[in-house]
Amino acid sequence: MKIASIIFMLTFCLQADLFSQSIDSLRYKYTNQTIYRFGGVFQKGNERLGFKDLSREFSMSDLGFDLYVKAKKQRKTSTILRYASLASSIAFLGVAANNRNRNLAYGFLGGQMVFFMISMRYQGLSTQNLDQALWLRNKDVLFPDRRP
């Protein structure tokens, strides 16, 4: 029994030192190099970043960069659909004001709602992928040796 506990303790101690970092370097990286999202603005240390500024922050995280590119495409799609919804709304008001064709006006109104709902779905997917990309990037900054 003593031999088993000694072997267990030695194994645990050897594995605990394998991925150790000094607390000061980890605290410095956590404070100054990780990125946090506050709505549409991103914070890295004392520096404020926009969405476009994030592209150069993913140099050490390939998976994070791939998710960032995916989030960027989804955000662009969401913006295009939002503008299509706005155009459909203006067309609805123009047709309804002339009192010409009610069915066409209702079609534009329905199109506006569909475009808006799909736009919100793409915006949500973009936010999810961006959050996951930032999480992966921060993990790779804090623990660079633990990449899969």
Foldseek 3Di string as FASTA:
>chain_A
DVVVVVVVVVVVVVVVPPQDDDPVVLVCCVQAPAWDDDPQWIDGRPDIDGLVRCQVSCPLPPLLNVLSVVLVVLLVLLVVLLVLLVVLVVVLVVCVVVVDDVVSSVVSVVSSVVSNVVSVVSNVSSVVSNVVSSVRSSVCSSRVVPDD
